[in-house]
Amino acid sequence: MKLRNVEEEIFVAVFWSPFIGKIGYRGPAVAISSVNKIGKFDILPEHTNFISLILKKLTIHLKEKKQVEYEFKRGVLEVSDNLVKVFLGI
């Protein structure tokens, strides 16, 4: 039986509305946490395709237990093929 090679990271791209003027993030992460209308959720490597409106907070979990955090009113998060695109301040 051949074992499948499982990804250990996801690639994250965070984009802000140009009117806000904040800097986004582009790079690898081990997980992402956020909140939507239903509650808190996490995105891990190999996550199924997913799209959601997100609210208030986004945390990007990096290696060595480091984190990048964003606070905002609302945004959109889309996951596809181990790539997470996040659009904030929309």
C-alpha atoms as a PDB file:
ATOM      1  CA  MET A   1       0.000   0.000   0.000  1.00  0.00           C
ATOM      2  CA  LYS A   2       1.424   3.352  -1.045  1.00  0.00           C
ATOM      3  CA  LEU A   3       1.003   6.221   1.422  1.00  0.00           C
ATOM      4  CA  ARG A   4      -0.016   9.599   0.131  1.00  0.00           C
ATOM      5  CA  ASN A   5       2.387  12.503   0.711  1.00  0.00           C
ATOM      6  CA  VAL A   6       0.475  14.896   2.979  1.00  0.00           C
ATOM      7  CA  GLU A   7       1.294  18.599   2.856  1.00  0.00           C
ATOM      8  CA  GLU A   8       2.441  20.104   6.139  1.00  0.00           C
ATOM      9  CA  GLU A   9       1.873  23.738   5.158  1.00  0.00           C
ATOM     10  CA  ILE A  10      -0.600  25.884   3.322  1.00  0.00           C
ATOM     11  CA  PHE A  11       0.210  29.012   1.338  1.00  0.00           C
ATOM     12  CA  VAL A  12      -1.598  32.131   2.482  1.00  0.00           C
ATOM     13  CA  ALA A  13      -2.183  35.407   0.644  1.00  0.00           C
ATOM     14  CA  VAL A  14      -3.889  38.237   2.565  1.00  0.00           C
ATOM     15  CA  PHE A  15      -5.098  41.247   0.581  1.00  0.00           C
ATOM     16  CA  TRP A  16      -6.432  44.511   2.036  1.00  0.00           C
ATOM     17  CA  SER A  17      -8.729  46.936   0.285  1.00  0.00           C
ATOM     18  CA  PRO A  18      -6.503  49.593  -1.342  1.00  0.00           C
ATOM     19  CA  PHE A  19      -8.429  52.293   0.535  1.00  0.00           C
ATOM     20  CA  ILE A  20      -7.278  50.945   3.898  1.00  0.00           C
ATOM     21  CA  GLY A  21      -3.577  51.003   3.064  1.00  0.00           C
ATOM     22  CA  LYS A  22      -2.500  48.094   5.305  1.00  0.00           C
ATOM     23  CA  ILE A  23       0.072  45.472   4.335  1.00  0.00           C
ATOM     24  CA  GLY A  24      -1.040  41.887   3.782  1.00  0.00           C
ATOM     25  CA  TYR A  25       0.810  38.609   4.231  1.00  0.00           C
ATOM     26  CA  ARG A  26       2.090  36.188   1.632  1.00  0.00           C
ATOM     27  CA  GLY A  27       3.815  32.995   2.673  1.00  0.00           C
ATOM     28  CA  PRO A  28       3.523  29.572   4.271  1.00  0.00           C
ATOM     29  CA  ALA A  29       1.509  28.751   7.376  1.00  0.00           C
ATOM     30  CA  VAL A  30       0.678  25.652   9.386  1.00  0.00           C
ATOM     31  CA  ALA A  31      -2.940  26.747  10.048  1.00  0.00           C
ATOM     32  CA  ILE A  32      -5.372  29.661   9.940  1.00  0.00           C
ATOM     33  CA  SER A  33      -8.089  30.541  12.467  1.00  0.00           C
ATOM     34  CA  SER A  34     -11.001  32.910  12.014  1.00  0.00           C
ATOM     35  CA  VAL A  35     -14.676  33.476  12.812  1.00  0.00           C
ATOM     36  CA  ASN A  36     -17.776  33.386  10.611  1.00  0.00           C
ATOM     37  CA  LYS A  37     -21.498  33.673  11.320  1.00  0.00           C
ATOM     38  CA  ILE A  38     -21.589  30.110  12.710  1.00  0.00           C
ATOM     39  CA  GLY A  39     -18.539  30.464  14.984  1.00  0.00           C
ATOM     40  CA  LYS A  40     -14.778  29.885  15.175  1.00  0.00           C
ATOM     41  CA  PHE A  41     -13.081  27.654  12.612  1.00  0.00           C
ATOM     42  CA  ASP A  42      -9.604  26.518  11.523  1.00  0.00           C
ATOM     43  CA  ILE A  43      -8.061  25.823   8.138  1.00  0.00           C
ATOM     44  CA  LEU A  44      -5.358  23.133   8.099  1.00  0.00           C
ATOM     45  CA  PRO A  45      -3.220  21.728   5.251  1.00  0.00           C
ATOM     46  CA  GLU A  46      -5.195  19.574   2.786  1.00  0.00           C
ATOM     47  CA  HIS A  47      -8.462  21.333   3.742  1.00  0.00           C
ATOM     48  CA  THR A  48     -11.352  20.792   1.382  1.00  0.00           C
ATOM     49  CA  ASN A  49     -12.340  23.646  -0.952  1.00  0.00           C
ATOM     50  CA  PHE A  50     -14.114  26.264   1.127  1.00  0.00           C
ATOM     51  CA  ILE A  51     -15.333  29.865   0.935  1.00  0.00           C
ATOM     52  CA  SER A  52     -16.736  31.982   3.763  1.00  0.00           C
ATOM     53  CA  LEU A  53     -17.442  35.498   4.889  1.00  0.00           C
ATOM     54  CA  ILE A  54     -15.260  36.136   7.943  1.00  0.00           C
ATOM     55  CA  LEU A  55     -15.654  38.559  10.814  1.00  0.00           C
ATOM     56  CA  LYS A  56     -13.445  40.476  13.246  1.00  0.00           C
ATOM     57  CA  LYS A  57     -10.222  38.445  13.454  1.00  0.00           C
ATOM     58  CA  LEU A  58      -7.856  36.289  11.390  1.00  0.00           C
ATOM     59  CA  THR A  59      -4.884  34.456  12.900  1.00  0.00           C
ATOM     60  CA  ILE A  60      -2.183  32.918  10.708  1.00  0.00           C
ATOM     61  CA  HIS A  61      -0.258  30.256  12.619  1.00  0.00           C
ATOM     62  CA  LEU A  62       3.367  30.037  11.493  1.00  0.00           C
ATOM     63  CA  LYS A  63       6.061  27.509  12.326  1.00  0.00           C
ATOM     64  CA  GLU A  64       7.702  27.704  15.751  1.00  0.00           C
ATOM     65  CA  LYS A  65       4.405  28.859  17.326  1.00  0.00           C
ATOM     66  CA  LYS A  66       4.605  32.360  15.826  1.00  0.00           C
ATOM     67  CA  GLN A  67       1.429  34.126  14.746  1.00  0.00           C
ATOM     68  CA  VAL A  68       0.328  36.949  12.484  1.00  0.00           C
ATOM     69  CA  GLU A  69      -2.985  38.513  13.527  1.00  0.00           C
ATOM     70  CA  TYR A  70      -5.360  40.840  11.716  1.00  0.00           C
ATOM     71  CA  GLU A  71      -8.385  42.695  13.074  1.00  0.00           C
ATOM     72  CA  PHE A  72     -11.041  43.936  10.657  1.00  0.00           C
ATOM     73  CA  LYS A  73     -14.782  44.359  10.288  1.00  0.00           C
ATOM     74  CA  ARG A  74     -15.414  41.764   7.561  1.00  0.00           C
ATOM     75  CA  GLY A  75     -13.671  39.833   4.818  1.00  0.00           C
ATOM     76  CA  VAL A  76     -13.809  36.822   2.520  1.00  0.00           C
ATOM     77  CA  LEU A  77     -11.704  33.663   2.863  1.00  0.00           C
ATOM     78  CA  GLU A  78     -11.314  31.121   0.049  1.00  0.00           C
ATOM     79  CA  VAL A  79      -9.451  27.799   0.208  1.00  0.00           C
ATOM     80  CA  SER A  80      -8.543  25.787  -2.876  1.00  0.00           C
ATOM     81  CA  ASP A  81      -5.663  23.371  -3.564  1.00  0.00           C
ATOM     82  CA  ASN A  82      -3.773  24.228  -0.343  1.00  0.00           C
ATOM     83  CA  LEU A  83      -3.906  27.954  -1.188  1.00  0.00           C
ATOM     84  CA  VAL A  84      -5.803  30.316   1.113  1.00  0.00           C
ATOM     85  CA  LYS A  85      -6.781  33.745  -0.256  1.00  0.00           C
ATOM     86  CA  VAL A  86      -8.125  36.279   2.222  1.00  0.00           C
ATOM     87  CA  PHE A  87      -9.635  39.636   1.257  1.00  0.00           C
ATOM     88  CA  LEU A  88     -10.014  42.037   4.197  1.00  0.00           C
ATOM     89  CA  GLY A  89     -11.673  45.406   4.618  1.00  0.00           C
ATOM     90  CA  ILE A  90     -14.321  44.884   1.985  1.00  0.00           C
END
